[in-house]
Amino acid sequence: MQVYTGKNDGVREKEQGLQVVKDMACHQYGCRRGVITDNFFTIYEPANFLLTKNMTLIGKLRKNKHEIP
């Protein structure tokens, strides 16, 4: 687990939401459990990743997300 304190070496991190979800759920892979997130972390990549690990993702969505049909 790592602490995010802002930009890393002056550069904004990419895919931060995916990395945080991976770090938080890594000890529960394959346990058929769910992860509950807020709107920042409720995106396609973490949901798809957790699905491959036999887990689910529940979270709040905003209507401006481009993944939502």
Protein backbone atom coordinates (compact mmCIF):
# COMPACT_ATOMS: atom_id res chain seq x y z
CA MET A 1 0.00 0.00 0.00
CA GLN A 2 1.35 3.41 -0.89
CA VAL A 3 0.36 6.88 0.17
CA TYR A 4 -0.46 9.34 -2.60
CA THR A 5 0.75 12.79 -1.67
CA GLY A 6 0.17 14.59 -4.97
CA LYS A 7 2.21 14.57 -8.12
CA ASN A 8 5.03 12.07 -8.28
CA ASP A 9 8.25 13.84 -9.39
CA GLY A 10 6.17 16.69 -10.79
CA VAL A 11 4.18 14.37 -13.06
CA ARG A 12 0.53 13.45 -12.55
CA GLU A 13 -0.01 9.71 -12.07
CA LYS A 14 -2.10 7.86 -14.64
CA GLU A 15 -4.56 5.06 -13.85
CA GLN A 16 -4.46 5.97 -10.18
CA GLY A 17 -7.97 4.62 -9.59
CA LEU A 18 -7.09 1.20 -10.96
CA GLN A 19 -3.93 0.99 -8.86
CA VAL A 20 -5.74 1.94 -5.64
CA VAL A 21 -8.46 -0.68 -6.21
CA LYS A 22 -5.81 -3.33 -6.95
CA ASP A 23 -3.89 -2.46 -3.78
CA MET A 24 -6.96 -2.48 -1.56
CA ALA A 25 -8.43 -5.74 -2.88
CA CYS A 26 -5.26 -7.79 -3.45
CA HIS A 27 -5.63 -9.83 -0.26
CA GLN A 28 -9.19 -10.89 -1.20
CA TYR A 29 -8.70 -12.15 -4.77
CA GLY A 30 -10.81 -15.21 -5.49
CA CYS A 31 -12.91 -14.91 -2.32
CA ARG A 32 -16.11 -14.01 -4.22
CA ARG A 33 -16.38 -10.71 -2.39
CA GLY A 34 -17.30 -7.27 -3.56
CA VAL A 35 -15.59 -3.91 -3.47
CA ILE A 36 -17.61 -0.74 -2.85
CA THR A 37 -16.21 2.48 -4.28
CA ASP A 38 -17.13 6.13 -4.69
CA ASN A 39 -17.56 7.83 -8.06
CA PHE A 40 -13.82 8.43 -8.61
CA PHE A 41 -12.97 4.73 -8.55
CA THR A 42 -16.11 3.43 -10.29
CA ILE A 43 -14.69 3.09 -13.80
CA TYR A 44 -14.44 0.29 -16.33
CA GLU A 45 -10.84 -0.80 -15.75
CA PRO A 46 -11.11 -1.70 -12.03
CA ALA A 47 -14.48 -3.38 -12.58
CA ASN A 48 -13.13 -5.50 -15.41
CA PHE A 49 -9.97 -6.36 -13.44
CA LEU A 50 -11.96 -7.46 -10.38
CA LEU A 51 -14.25 -9.55 -12.59
CA THR A 52 -11.21 -11.53 -13.76
CA LYS A 53 -10.38 -12.13 -10.09
CA ASN A 54 -13.91 -13.46 -9.38
CA MET A 55 -14.95 -10.31 -7.51
CA THR A 56 -17.55 -7.59 -8.05
CA LEU A 57 -17.49 -3.80 -7.94
CA ILE A 58 -20.36 -1.69 -6.63
CA GLY A 59 -20.15 2.06 -6.80
CA LYS A 60 -21.72 5.39 -7.48
CA LEU A 61 -21.70 6.53 -11.11
CA ARG A 62 -21.73 9.98 -12.62
CA LYS A 63 -23.50 10.51 -15.90
CA ASN A 64 -20.43 12.13 -17.48
CA LYS A 65 -18.43 8.87 -17.58
CA HIS A 66 -17.72 7.86 -21.16
CA GLU A 67 -18.01 4.11 -20.35
CA ILE A 68 -21.72 4.41 -19.57
CA PRO A 69 -24.01 3.77 -22.56
